[in-house]
Amino acid sequence: MAKSQRQKLKLLYLADILERNTDEQHPLSTQQLIEELAKVDIAAERKSIYDDIEQLNRFGYDIVLNKSRSSGGYYMASRRFELAELKVLVDSVQASRFITPKKTRELIAKLEQLCSIHEGKQLKRQVYVLNRIKAENEQIFYNVDLLHTAIHQNRQISFQYYEWSTDRQMKLRHNGEPYFVSPLGLTWDDKNYYLVAYEETKEQIRHYRVDKMKSIEILERKRSEESGYKKFDIASYGNKVFGMYGGLPETVTLSFPERLVGVMIDRFGKDISLKKESDTTYSIRVGVAVSEQFFGWLAGLGKDVSIVSPMEVKQKYKDFLSDILDNL
């Protein structure tokens, strides 16, 4: 590329140098900026650097001059993401089971490019991918994109579904026969990504781990009206379901001590109606999907939490606990 043509790229290179190499602790002097530009065969004078930085700031960059004699220079004072925000994103990527080890490393490498190389070293220090439980399906991101597209276009989908075999291998369920469902939404539970969908043949809302889905196809058929997609609220639904296991929907009254008020709010949301039963006891009426996972959650809260009604759910809870005792 001719030098005159490279000069046209001067502002872009200067912005990139400041973004990648500077922060408040690591400014670059005017002379250092001139030397960095020379490495890409772009000539610059001190006055032109001053003018270029002024133009970059007018465009929207936040480039600040540290006037210290010993360690003065220009640095990028703010970026689209703060370092603390990037650390949270890195932690989330690492903790996500549905993201494969390979994709985890790729995403973190991209996040590192959103800060200076010096700050990027801090992100590297907190990367612990080895030995974490991670998915093996490299198609996960394409799956998510396809599912969102199907929901947006109001279409049904078909897919194959994996499960673990006793020899620790992934095999297809139903002998590889495809599932046909109306997708309702995507939700996050216990570090995994799930599709919530209505399966017309079973007349049920069911859940599928997105990382276990294969060969997803968007069909021409519109989503089933019986799925209730027009009024479906994924956030409200997630509060009712435990461990992404389905169950019969019921309105249940729970009684519990005051110390567990926060636990109930965390589980069911701030809008629950708390009723004071005594000086130390409260109750709530909430919609839940009654399942063994719901009973397991209750049992984990201890003997002070009880089901008040309906009686058939209370009896199922007793049977659940009795069956556990019988197997001890």
C-alpha atoms as a PDB file:
ATOM      1  CA  MET A   1       0.000   0.000   0.000  1.00  0.00           C
ATOM      2  CA  ALA A   2       1.372   3.440  -0.953  1.00  0.00           C
ATOM      3  CA  LYS A   3       2.398   5.760   1.865  1.00  0.00           C
ATOM      4  CA  SER A   4      -0.183   8.352   0.841  1.00  0.00           C
ATOM      5  CA  GLN A   5      -2.887   5.725   1.139  1.00  0.00           C
ATOM      6  CA  ARG A   6      -1.635   4.614   4.557  1.00  0.00           C
ATOM      7  CA  GLN A   7      -1.757   8.210   5.757  1.00  0.00           C
ATOM      8  CA  LYS A   8      -5.525   8.122   5.169  1.00  0.00           C
ATOM      9  CA  LEU A   9      -5.699   5.354   7.784  1.00  0.00           C
ATOM     10  CA  LYS A  10      -3.752   7.359  10.344  1.00  0.00           C
ATOM     11  CA  LEU A  11      -6.736   8.219  12.580  1.00  0.00           C
ATOM     12  CA  LEU A  12      -7.902   4.610  12.621  1.00  0.00           C
ATOM     13  CA  TYR A  13      -4.478   3.292  13.557  1.00  0.00           C
ATOM     14  CA  LEU A  14      -4.052   5.970  16.224  1.00  0.00           C
ATOM     15  CA  ALA A  15      -7.395   5.106  17.798  1.00  0.00           C
ATOM     16  CA  ASP A  16      -6.494   1.400  17.748  1.00  0.00           C
ATOM     17  CA  ILE A  17      -3.104   2.028  19.375  1.00  0.00           C
ATOM     18  CA  LEU A  18      -4.714   4.025  22.170  1.00  0.00           C
ATOM     19  CA  GLU A  19      -7.471   1.450  22.692  1.00  0.00           C
ATOM     20  CA  ARG A  20      -5.199  -1.584  22.761  1.00  0.00           C
ATOM     21  CA  ASN A  21      -2.128  -0.181  24.500  1.00  0.00           C
ATOM     22  CA  THR A  22      -3.215   2.505  26.957  1.00  0.00           C
ATOM     23  CA  ASP A  23      -5.199   2.946  30.144  1.00  0.00           C
ATOM     24  CA  GLU A  24      -4.889   5.268  33.140  1.00  0.00           C
ATOM     25  CA  GLN A  25      -1.853   3.379  34.435  1.00  0.00           C
ATOM     26  CA  HIS A  26      -0.203   3.014  31.022  1.00  0.00           C
ATOM     27  CA  PRO A  27      -0.289   6.281  28.996  1.00  0.00           C
ATOM     28  CA  LEU A  28       1.783   6.783  25.842  1.00  0.00           C
ATOM     29  CA  SER A  29       3.708   9.980  25.191  1.00  0.00           C
ATOM     30  CA  THR A  30       3.459  11.869  21.914  1.00  0.00           C
ATOM     31  CA  GLN A  31       6.834  10.482  20.873  1.00  0.00           C
ATOM     32  CA  GLN A  32       5.744   6.929  21.693  1.00  0.00           C
ATOM     33  CA  LEU A  33       2.607   7.381  19.590  1.00  0.00           C
ATOM     34  CA  ILE A  34       4.747   8.609  16.686  1.00  0.00           C
ATOM     35  CA  GLU A  35       6.960   5.504  17.062  1.00  0.00           C
ATOM     36  CA  GLU A  36       3.933   3.164  17.158  1.00  0.00           C
ATOM     37  CA  LEU A  37       2.555   4.729  13.975  1.00  0.00           C
ATOM     38  CA  ALA A  38       5.957   4.349  12.307  1.00  0.00           C
ATOM     39  CA  LYS A  39       5.732   0.585  12.909  1.00  0.00           C
ATOM     40  CA  VAL A  40       2.823   0.489  10.465  1.00  0.00           C
ATOM     41  CA  ASP A  41       4.642   2.776   8.028  1.00  0.00           C
ATOM     42  CA  ILE A  42       2.738   5.941   8.896  1.00  0.00           C
ATOM     43  CA  ALA A  43       4.692   9.159   9.377  1.00  0.00           C
ATOM     44  CA  ALA A  44       3.510  11.659  11.986  1.00  0.00           C
ATOM     45  CA  GLU A  45       4.672  14.906  13.583  1.00  0.00           C
ATOM     46  CA  ARG A  46       3.961  16.091  17.103  1.00  0.00           C
ATOM     47  CA  LYS A  47       1.513  18.795  15.969  1.00  0.00           C
ATOM     48  CA  SER A  48      -0.415  16.326  13.817  1.00  0.00           C
ATOM     49  CA  ILE A  49      -0.789  13.983  16.841  1.00  0.00           C
ATOM     50  CA  TYR A  50      -2.351  16.824  18.871  1.00  0.00           C
ATOM     51  CA  ASP A  51      -4.777  17.592  16.038  1.00  0.00           C
ATOM     52  CA  ASP A  52      -5.647  13.910  15.489  1.00  0.00           C
ATOM     53  CA  ILE A  53      -6.431  13.313  19.156  1.00  0.00           C
ATOM     54  CA  GLU A  54      -8.627  16.420  19.195  1.00  0.00           C
ATOM     55  CA  GLN A  55     -10.537  15.037  16.197  1.00  0.00           C
ATOM     56  CA  LEU A  56     -10.932  11.625  17.862  1.00  0.00           C
ATOM     57  CA  ASN A  57     -12.332  13.250  20.999  1.00  0.00           C
ATOM     58  CA  ARG A  58     -14.773  15.259  18.889  1.00  0.00           C
ATOM     59  CA  PHE A  59     -15.906  12.015  17.288  1.00  0.00           C
ATOM     60  CA  GLY A  60     -16.690  10.532  20.702  1.00  0.00           C
ATOM     61  CA  TYR A  61     -13.532   8.936  22.061  1.00  0.00           C
ATOM     62  CA  ASP A  62     -12.483   9.761  25.623  1.00  0.00           C
ATOM     63  CA  ILE A  63      -8.738  10.346  25.303  1.00  0.00           C
ATOM     64  CA  VAL A  64      -7.115  12.128  28.223  1.00  0.00           C
ATOM     65  CA  LEU A  65      -3.677  13.723  28.588  1.00  0.00           C
ATOM     66  CA  ASN A  66      -1.788  12.896  31.786  1.00  0.00           C
ATOM     67  CA  LYS A  67       0.515  15.879  32.261  1.00  0.00           C
ATOM     68  CA  SER A  68       2.826  14.201  34.777  1.00  0.00           C
ATOM     69  CA  ARG A  69       6.481  14.833  33.910  1.00  0.00           C
ATOM     70  CA  SER A  70       7.607  11.346  34.898  1.00  0.00           C
ATOM     71  CA  SER A  71       4.809   9.233  33.429  1.00  0.00           C
ATOM     72  CA  GLY A  72       2.738  11.575  31.317  1.00  0.00           C
ATOM     73  CA  GLY A  73       1.036  10.843  28.058  1.00  0.00           C
ATOM     74  CA  TYR A  74      -2.274  10.089  26.378  1.00  0.00           C
ATOM     75  CA  TYR A  75      -4.577   7.240  27.382  1.00  0.00           C
ATOM     76  CA  MET A  76      -8.057   5.947  26.653  1.00  0.00           C
ATOM     77  CA  ALA A  77      -9.989   7.023  29.747  1.00  0.00           C
ATOM     78  CA  SER A  78     -13.230   5.139  29.107  1.00  0.00           C
ATOM     79  CA  ARG A  79     -14.413   2.329  26.886  1.00  0.00           C
ATOM     80  CA  ARG A  80     -17.706   0.703  25.993  1.00  0.00           C
ATOM     81  CA  PHE A  81     -17.142  -1.813  28.819  1.00  0.00           C
ATOM     82  CA  GLU A  82     -15.461  -1.144  32.144  1.00  0.00           C
ATOM     83  CA  LEU A  83     -12.940  -3.701  33.399  1.00  0.00           C
ATOM     84  CA  ALA A  84     -15.262  -4.749  36.246  1.00  0.00           C
ATOM     85  CA  GLU A  85     -18.051  -5.409  33.710  1.00  0.00           C
ATOM     86  CA  LEU A  86     -15.722  -7.533  31.573  1.00  0.00           C
ATOM     87  CA  LYS A  87     -14.722  -9.581  34.617  1.00  0.00           C
ATOM     88  CA  VAL A  88     -18.391 -10.330  35.296  1.00  0.00           C
ATOM     89  CA  LEU A  89     -18.867 -11.398  31.659  1.00  0.00           C
ATOM     90  CA  VAL A  90     -15.780 -13.631  31.800  1.00  0.00           C
ATOM     91  CA  ASP A  91     -17.065 -15.255  35.000  1.00  0.00           C
ATOM     92  CA  SER A  92     -20.450 -15.860  33.351  1.00  0.00           C
ATOM     93  CA  VAL A  93     -18.893 -17.450  30.272  1.00  0.00           C
ATOM     94  CA  GLN A  94     -16.722 -19.706  32.420  1.00  0.00           C
ATOM     95  CA  ALA A  95     -19.639 -20.796  34.598  1.00  0.00           C
ATOM     96  CA  SER A  96     -21.969 -21.521  31.667  1.00  0.00           C
ATOM     97  CA  ARG A  97     -22.189 -25.255  31.163  1.00  0.00           C
ATOM     98  CA  PHE A  98     -23.799 -24.951  27.748  1.00  0.00           C
ATOM     99  CA  ILE A  99     -20.723 -23.186  26.290  1.00  0.00           C
ATOM    100  CA  THR A 100     -18.055 -25.664  25.148  1.00  0.00           C
ATOM    101  CA  PRO A 101     -14.419 -25.314  26.335  1.00  0.00           C
ATOM    102  CA  LYS A 102     -13.331 -24.241  22.833  1.00  0.00           C
ATOM    103  CA  LYS A 103     -16.045 -21.586  22.523  1.00  0.00           C
ATOM    104  CA  THR A 104     -15.338 -20.447  26.091  1.00  0.00           C
ATOM    105  CA  ARG A 105     -11.717 -19.683  25.211  1.00  0.00           C
ATOM    106  CA  GLU A 106     -12.776 -17.942  21.984  1.00  0.00           C
ATOM    107  CA  LEU A 107     -15.326 -15.722  23.749  1.00  0.00           C
ATOM    108  CA  ILE A 108     -12.925 -14.758  26.526  1.00  0.00           C
ATOM    109  CA  ALA A 109     -10.265 -13.886  23.927  1.00  0.00           C
ATOM    110  CA  LYS A 110     -12.796 -11.571  22.263  1.00  0.00           C
ATOM    111  CA  LEU A 111     -13.687  -9.984  25.609  1.00  0.00           C
ATOM    112  CA  GLU A 112      -9.992  -9.293  26.199  1.00  0.00           C
ATOM    113  CA  GLN A 113      -9.974  -7.173  23.037  1.00  0.00           C
ATOM    114  CA  LEU A 114     -12.485  -4.794  24.628  1.00  0.00           C
ATOM    115  CA  CYS A 115      -9.894  -3.500  27.091  1.00  0.00           C
ATOM    116  CA  SER A 116      -6.226  -2.589  26.988  1.00  0.00           C
ATOM    117  CA  ILE A 117      -3.599  -5.348  26.749  1.00  0.00           C
ATOM    118  CA  HIS A 118      -2.583  -4.492  30.311  1.00  0.00           C
ATOM    119  CA  GLU A 119      -6.103  -4.897  31.692  1.00  0.00           C
ATOM    120  CA  GLY A 120      -6.517  -8.011  29.552  1.00  0.00           C
ATOM    121  CA  LYS A 121      -3.878  -9.707  31.703  1.00  0.00           C
ATOM    122  CA  GLN A 122      -6.234  -9.374  34.678  1.00  0.00           C
ATOM    123  CA  LEU A 123      -8.936 -11.198  32.719  1.00  0.00           C
ATOM    124  CA  LYS A 124      -6.485 -13.988  31.849  1.00  0.00           C
ATOM    125  CA  ARG A 125      -5.674 -14.514  35.527  1.00  0.00           C
ATOM    126  CA  GLN A 126      -9.254 -15.464  36.331  1.00  0.00           C
ATOM    127  CA  VAL A 127      -9.723 -17.912  33.446  1.00  0.00           C
ATOM    128  CA  TYR A 128     -10.248 -21.435  34.786  1.00  0.00           C
ATOM    129  CA  VAL A 129     -11.808 -23.580  32.067  1.00  0.00           C
ATOM    130  CA  LEU A 130      -9.970 -26.844  32.721  1.00  0.00           C
ATOM    131  CA  ASN A 131     -12.031 -29.566  34.470  1.00  0.00           C
ATOM    132  CA  ARG A 132     -15.234 -27.510  34.498  1.00  0.00           C
ATOM    133  CA  ILE A 133     -18.364 -29.359  33.431  1.00  0.00           C
ATOM    134  CA  LYS A 134     -18.974 -28.094  29.904  1.00  0.00           C
ATOM    135  CA  ALA A 135     -21.159 -29.023  26.969  1.00  0.00           C
ATOM    136  CA  GLU A 136     -19.671 -30.747  23.920  1.00  0.00           C
ATOM    137  CA  ASN A 137     -22.035 -29.432  21.244  1.00  0.00           C
ATOM    138  CA  GLU A 138     -20.143 -26.832  19.195  1.00  0.00           C
ATOM    139  CA  GLN A 139     -23.382 -25.869  17.389  1.00  0.00           C
ATOM    140  CA  ILE A 140     -24.848 -24.278  20.535  1.00  0.00           C
ATOM    141  CA  PHE A 141     -24.710 -20.665  19.316  1.00  0.00           C
ATOM    142  CA  TYR A 142     -26.207 -21.531  15.950  1.00  0.00           C
ATOM    143  CA  ASN A 143     -28.936 -23.454  17.777  1.00  0.00           C
ATOM    144  CA  VAL A 144     -29.784 -20.423  19.908  1.00  0.00           C
ATOM    145  CA  ASP A 145     -29.927 -18.202  16.825  1.00  0.00           C
ATOM    146  CA  LEU A 146     -32.213 -20.648  14.997  1.00  0.00           C
ATOM    147  CA  LEU A 147     -34.555 -20.935  17.984  1.00  0.00           C
ATOM    148  CA  HIS A 148     -34.871 -17.165  18.355  1.00  0.00           C
ATOM    149  CA  THR A 149     -35.544 -16.906  14.625  1.00  0.00           C
ATOM    150  CA  ALA A 150     -38.293 -19.548  14.825  1.00  0.00           C
ATOM    151  CA  ILE A 151     -39.961 -17.730  17.726  1.00  0.00           C
ATOM    152  CA  HIS A 152     -39.715 -14.389  15.933  1.00  0.00           C
ATOM    153  CA  GLN A 153     -41.222 -15.904  12.760  1.00  0.00           C
ATOM    154  CA  ASN A 154     -43.927 -17.766  14.734  1.00  0.00           C
ATOM    155  CA  ARG A 155     -42.855 -21.140  13.300  1.00  0.00           C
ATOM    156  CA  GLN A 156     -42.722 -24.676  14.622  1.00  0.00           C
ATOM    157  CA  ILE A 157     -39.410 -26.528  14.666  1.00  0.00           C
ATOM    158  CA  SER A 158     -38.130 -30.094  14.419  1.00  0.00           C
ATOM    159  CA  PHE A 159     -34.946 -31.445  15.996  1.00  0.00           C
ATOM    160  CA  GLN A 160     -33.194 -34.530  17.281  1.00  0.00           C
ATOM    161  CA  TYR A 161     -32.344 -34.848  20.962  1.00  0.00           C
ATOM    162  CA  TYR A 162     -29.364 -36.391  22.737  1.00  0.00           C
ATOM    163  CA  GLU A 163     -29.106 -38.153  26.098  1.00  0.00           C
ATOM    164  CA  TRP A 164     -26.248 -39.790  27.990  1.00  0.00           C
ATOM    165  CA  SER A 165     -25.908 -43.556  27.768  1.00  0.00           C
ATOM    166  CA  THR A 166     -24.504 -45.835  30.480  1.00  0.00           C
ATOM    167  CA  ASP A 167     -21.161 -45.959  28.635  1.00  0.00           C
ATOM    168  CA  ARG A 168     -20.884 -42.146  28.941  1.00  0.00           C
ATOM    169  CA  GLN A 169     -21.626 -41.545  25.281  1.00  0.00           C
ATOM    170  CA  MET A 170     -24.222 -39.208  23.812  1.00  0.00           C
ATOM    171  CA  LYS A 171     -26.917 -41.063  21.894  1.00  0.00           C
ATOM    172  CA  LEU A 172     -30.089 -39.885  20.154  1.00  0.00           C
ATOM    173  CA  ARG A 173     -33.424 -40.392  21.858  1.00  0.00           C
ATOM    174  CA  HIS A 174     -36.374 -42.027  20.069  1.00  0.00           C
ATOM    175  CA  ASN A 175     -33.951 -43.864  17.767  1.00  0.00           C
ATOM    176  CA  GLY A 176     -33.126 -40.547  16.150  1.00  0.00           C
ATOM    177  CA  GLU A 177     -36.727 -39.730  15.274  1.00  0.00           C
ATOM    178  CA  PRO A 178     -37.286 -35.956  15.276  1.00  0.00           C
ATOM    179  CA  TYR A 179     -39.314 -33.996  17.806  1.00  0.00           C
ATOM    180  CA  PHE A 180     -41.900 -31.515  16.520  1.00  0.00           C
ATOM    181  CA  VAL A 181     -42.719 -28.607  18.846  1.00  0.00           C
ATOM    182  CA  SER A 182     -43.905 -25.001  19.037  1.00  0.00           C
ATOM    183  CA  PRO A 183     -41.067 -23.011  20.669  1.00  0.00           C
ATOM    184  CA  LEU A 184     -42.200 -20.598  23.395  1.00  0.00           C
ATOM    185  CA  GLY A 185     -39.012 -19.156  24.798  1.00  0.00           C
ATOM    186  CA  LEU A 186     -35.449 -19.697  25.967  1.00  0.00           C
ATOM    187  CA  THR A 187     -34.540 -19.651  29.629  1.00  0.00           C
ATOM    188  CA  TRP A 188     -31.514 -20.116  31.842  1.00  0.00           C
ATOM    189  CA  ASP A 189     -31.513 -22.517  34.788  1.00  0.00           C
ATOM    190  CA  ASP A 190     -28.651 -24.010  36.820  1.00  0.00           C
ATOM    191  CA  LYS A 191     -26.010 -22.790  34.332  1.00  0.00           C
ATOM    192  CA  ASN A 192     -27.767 -24.432  31.376  1.00  0.00           C
ATOM    193  CA  TYR A 193     -29.826 -23.039  28.500  1.00  0.00           C
ATOM    194  CA  TYR A 194     -33.286 -24.524  27.939  1.00  0.00           C
ATOM    195  CA  LEU A 195     -35.923 -24.296  25.255  1.00  0.00           C
ATOM    196  CA  VAL A 196     -39.464 -24.141  26.617  1.00  0.00           C
ATOM    197  CA  ALA A 197     -41.806 -25.567  23.982  1.00  0.00           C
ATOM    198  CA  TYR A 198     -45.273 -27.012  23.489  1.00  0.00           C
ATOM    199  CA  GLU A 199     -45.353 -30.599  22.231  1.00  0.00           C
ATOM    200  CA  GLU A 200     -48.670 -31.029  20.481  1.00  0.00           C
ATOM    201  CA  THR A 201     -48.742 -34.845  20.484  1.00  0.00           C
ATOM    202  CA  LYS A 202     -48.467 -34.919  24.280  1.00  0.00           C
ATOM    203  CA  GLU A 203     -50.428 -31.680  24.797  1.00  0.00           C
ATOM    204  CA  GLN A 204     -47.742 -30.540  27.247  1.00  0.00           C
ATOM    205  CA  ILE A 205     -45.209 -27.791  27.743  1.00  0.00           C
ATOM    206  CA  ARG A 206     -41.790 -29.450  27.896  1.00  0.00           C
ATOM    207  CA  HIS A 207     -38.167 -28.375  28.326  1.00  0.00           C
ATOM    208  CA  TYR A 208     -35.121 -29.254  26.250  1.00  0.00           C
ATOM    209  CA  ARG A 209     -31.450 -28.558  26.927  1.00  0.00           C
ATOM    210  CA  VAL A 210     -30.300 -26.477  23.963  1.00  0.00           C
ATOM    211  CA  ASP A 211     -26.817 -28.044  23.979  1.00  0.00           C
ATOM    212  CA  LYS A 212     -28.431 -31.499  23.538  1.00  0.00           C
ATOM    213  CA  MET A 213     -30.431 -30.470  20.479  1.00  0.00           C
ATOM    214  CA  LYS A 214     -29.261 -31.409  16.987  1.00  0.00           C
ATOM    215  CA  SER A 215     -30.367 -30.814  13.389  1.00  0.00           C
ATOM    216  CA  ILE A 216     -32.805 -28.023  14.250  1.00  0.00           C
ATOM    217  CA  GLU A 217     -35.056 -27.055  11.339  1.00  0.00           C
ATOM    218  CA  ILE A 218     -37.557 -24.219  11.126  1.00  0.00           C
ATOM    219  CA  LEU A 219     -40.780 -25.556   9.623  1.00  0.00           C
ATOM    220  CA  GLU A 220     -43.367 -23.812   7.491  1.00  0.00           C
ATOM    221  CA  ARG A 221     -46.106 -24.585  10.022  1.00  0.00           C
ATOM    222  CA  LYS A 222     -47.196 -21.812  12.371  1.00  0.00           C
ATOM    223  CA  ARG A 223     -46.924 -22.423  16.096  1.00  0.00           C
ATOM    224  CA  SER A 224     -49.863 -24.237  17.642  1.00  0.00           C
ATOM    225  CA  GLU A 225     -52.580 -21.970  19.070  1.00  0.00           C
ATOM    226  CA  GLU A 226     -52.956 -24.472  21.930  1.00  0.00           C
ATOM    227  CA  SER A 227     -49.416 -23.632  23.044  1.00  0.00           C
ATOM    228  CA  GLY A 228     -50.633 -20.288  24.409  1.00  0.00           C
ATOM    229  CA  TYR A 229     -47.658 -18.504  22.856  1.00  0.00           C
ATOM    230  CA  LYS A 230     -49.559 -15.210  22.548  1.00  0.00           C
ATOM    231  CA  LYS A 231     -49.797 -14.814  26.335  1.00  0.00           C
ATOM    232  CA  PHE A 232     -46.756 -16.846  27.352  1.00  0.00           C
ATOM    233  CA  ASP A 233     -44.520 -15.064  29.890  1.00  0.00           C
ATOM    234  CA  ILE A 234     -41.144 -16.798  30.140  1.00  0.00           C
ATOM    235  CA  ALA A 235     -40.148 -14.954  33.338  1.00  0.00           C
ATOM    236  CA  SER A 236     -43.368 -15.847  35.158  1.00  0.00           C
ATOM    237  CA  TYR A 237     -43.140 -19.423  33.924  1.00  0.00           C
ATOM    238  CA  GLY A 238     -39.548 -19.759  35.180  1.00  0.00           C
ATOM    239  CA  ASN A 239     -40.628 -18.823  38.719  1.00  0.00           C
ATOM    240  CA  LYS A 240     -43.113 -21.702  38.804  1.00  0.00           C
ATOM    241  CA  VAL A 241     -40.856 -24.456  37.497  1.00  0.00           C
ATOM    242  CA  PHE A 242     -38.209 -26.168  39.615  1.00  0.00           C
ATOM    243  CA  GLY A 243     -35.060 -27.545  38.023  1.00  0.00           C
ATOM    244  CA  MET A 244     -36.661 -27.231  34.570  1.00  0.00           C
ATOM    245  CA  TYR A 245     -38.809 -30.298  35.257  1.00  0.00           C
ATOM    246  CA  GLY A 246     -42.437 -30.047  34.256  1.00  0.00           C
ATOM    247  CA  GLY A 247     -45.399 -30.784  36.480  1.00  0.00           C
ATOM    248  CA  LEU A 248     -49.074 -30.117  36.917  1.00  0.00           C
ATOM    249  CA  PRO A 249     -49.765 -26.421  37.544  1.00  0.00           C
ATOM    250  CA  GLU A 250     -51.291 -25.751  40.966  1.00  0.00           C
ATOM    251  CA  THR A 251     -51.867 -22.768  43.231  1.00  0.00           C
ATOM    252  CA  VAL A 252     -50.245 -23.816  46.493  1.00  0.00           C
ATOM    253  CA  THR A 253     -50.361 -22.183  49.939  1.00  0.00           C
ATOM    254  CA  LEU A 254     -47.100 -22.442  51.861  1.00  0.00           C
ATOM    255  CA  SER A 255     -46.487 -21.669  55.536  1.00  0.00           C
ATOM    256  CA  PHE A 256     -43.004 -20.756  56.745  1.00  0.00           C
ATOM    257  CA  PRO A 257     -41.109 -18.850  59.464  1.00  0.00           C
ATOM    258  CA  GLU A 258     -40.175 -15.184  59.098  1.00  0.00           C
ATOM    259  CA  ARG A 259     -36.499 -16.032  58.520  1.00  0.00           C
ATOM    260  CA  LEU A 260     -37.441 -17.573  55.156  1.00  0.00           C
ATOM    261  CA  VAL A 261     -39.302 -14.554  53.769  1.00  0.00           C
ATOM    262  CA  GLY A 262     -36.228 -13.614  51.732  1.00  0.00           C
ATOM    263  CA  VAL A 263     -35.958 -17.133  50.307  1.00  0.00           C
ATOM    264  CA  MET A 264     -39.572 -16.985  49.119  1.00  0.00           C
ATOM    265  CA  ILE A 265     -39.086 -13.573  47.517  1.00  0.00           C
ATOM    266  CA  ASP A 266     -35.929 -14.776  45.766  1.00  0.00           C
ATOM    267  CA  ARG A 267     -37.819 -17.798  44.425  1.00  0.00           C
ATOM    268  CA  PHE A 268     -41.204 -16.308  43.503  1.00  0.00           C
ATOM    269  CA  GLY A 269     -40.501 -12.580  43.115  1.00  0.00           C
ATOM    270  CA  LYS A 270     -41.269  -9.382  45.021  1.00  0.00           C
ATOM    271  CA  ASP A 271     -44.908  -9.319  43.948  1.00  0.00           C
ATOM    272  CA  ILE A 272     -45.958 -12.240  46.145  1.00  0.00           C
ATOM    273  CA  SER A 273     -48.609 -11.441  48.749  1.00  0.00           C
ATOM    274  CA  LEU A 274     -47.259 -12.180  52.216  1.00  0.00           C
ATOM    275  CA  LYS A 275     -49.855 -12.995  54.870  1.00  0.00           C
ATOM    276  CA  LYS A 276     -48.877 -12.852  58.528  1.00  0.00           C
ATOM    277  CA  GLU A 277     -50.271 -15.901  60.330  1.00  0.00           C
ATOM    278  CA  SER A 278     -48.649 -15.313  63.737  1.00  0.00           C
ATOM    279  CA  ASP A 279     -45.815 -13.357  65.334  1.00  0.00           C
ATOM    280  CA  THR A 280     -43.279 -15.646  63.668  1.00  0.00           C
ATOM    281  CA  THR A 281     -45.112 -17.293  60.762  1.00  0.00           C
ATOM    282  CA  TYR A 282     -46.125 -16.151  57.276  1.00  0.00           C
ATOM    283  CA  SER A 283     -47.912 -17.753  54.345  1.00  0.00           C
ATOM    284  CA  ILE A 284     -48.121 -17.208  50.588  1.00  0.00           C
ATOM    285  CA  ARG A 285     -50.273 -18.500  47.708  1.00  0.00           C
ATOM    286  CA  VAL A 286     -48.189 -19.112  44.594  1.00  0.00           C
ATOM    287  CA  GLY A 287     -48.512 -20.925  41.296  1.00  0.00           C
ATOM    288  CA  VAL A 288     -46.058 -23.802  40.902  1.00  0.00           C
ATOM    289  CA  ALA A 289     -45.500 -26.835  38.704  1.00  0.00           C
ATOM    290  CA  VAL A 290     -45.928 -29.672  41.193  1.00  0.00           C
ATOM    291  CA  SER A 291     -43.071 -32.125  40.712  1.00  0.00           C
ATOM    292  CA  GLU A 292     -40.509 -34.094  42.691  1.00  0.00           C
ATOM    293  CA  GLN A 293     -38.102 -31.196  42.155  1.00  0.00           C
ATOM    294  CA  PHE A 294     -40.584 -28.846  43.845  1.00  0.00           C
ATOM    295  CA  PHE A 295     -40.902 -31.261  46.776  1.00  0.00           C
ATOM    296  CA  GLY A 296     -37.108 -31.562  46.933  1.00  0.00           C
ATOM    297  CA  TRP A 297     -36.797 -27.794  47.131  1.00  0.00           C
ATOM    298  CA  LEU A 298     -39.331 -27.711  49.992  1.00  0.00           C
ATOM    299  CA  ALA A 299     -37.550 -30.509  51.850  1.00  0.00           C
ATOM    300  CA  GLY A 300     -34.283 -28.587  51.568  1.00  0.00           C
ATOM    301  CA  LEU A 301     -35.845 -25.679  53.483  1.00  0.00           C
ATOM    302  CA  GLY A 302     -36.456 -27.909  56.501  1.00  0.00           C
ATOM    303  CA  LYS A 303     -39.323 -28.979  58.741  1.00  0.00           C
ATOM    304  CA  ASP A 304     -40.613 -25.463  59.415  1.00  0.00           C
ATOM    305  CA  VAL A 305     -41.967 -25.112  55.858  1.00  0.00           C
ATOM    306  CA  SER A 306     -45.274 -26.833  55.167  1.00  0.00           C
ATOM    307  CA  ILE A 307     -47.898 -27.110  52.443  1.00  0.00           C
ATOM    308  CA  VAL A 308     -51.224 -25.804  53.756  1.00  0.00           C
ATOM    309  CA  SER A 309     -53.298 -26.494  50.638  1.00  0.00           C
ATOM    310  CA  PRO A 310     -54.474 -28.051  48.444  1.00  0.00           C
ATOM    311  CA  MET A 311     -54.728 -31.280  50.419  1.00  0.00           C
ATOM    312  CA  GLU A 312     -53.920 -33.524  47.436  1.00  0.00           C
ATOM    313  CA  VAL A 313     -50.581 -31.733  46.935  1.00  0.00           C
ATOM    314  CA  LYS A 314     -49.897 -31.969  50.687  1.00  0.00           C
ATOM    315  CA  GLN A 315     -50.529 -35.727  50.509  1.00  0.00           C
ATOM    316  CA  LYS A 316     -48.228 -36.095  47.497  1.00  0.00           C
ATOM    317  CA  TYR A 317     -45.494 -34.334  49.481  1.00  0.00           C
ATOM    318  CA  LYS A 318     -45.988 -36.761  52.387  1.00  0.00           C
ATOM    319  CA  ASP A 319     -45.812 -39.712  49.980  1.00  0.00           C
ATOM    320  CA  PHE A 320     -42.651 -38.269  48.446  1.00  0.00           C
ATOM    321  CA  LEU A 321     -40.936 -38.019  51.856  1.00  0.00           C
ATOM    322  CA  SER A 322     -42.223 -41.446  52.899  1.00  0.00           C
ATOM    323  CA  ASP A 323     -40.796 -43.088  49.759  1.00  0.00           C
ATOM    324  CA  ILE A 324     -37.393 -41.537  50.486  1.00  0.00           C
ATOM    325  CA  LEU A 325     -37.456 -42.878  54.066  1.00  0.00           C
ATOM    326  CA  ASP A 326     -38.428 -46.334  52.843  1.00  0.00           C
ATOM    327  CA  ASN A 327     -35.311 -46.438  50.661  1.00  0.00           C
ATOM    328  CA  LEU A 328     -32.882 -45.514  53.450  1.00  0.00           C
END
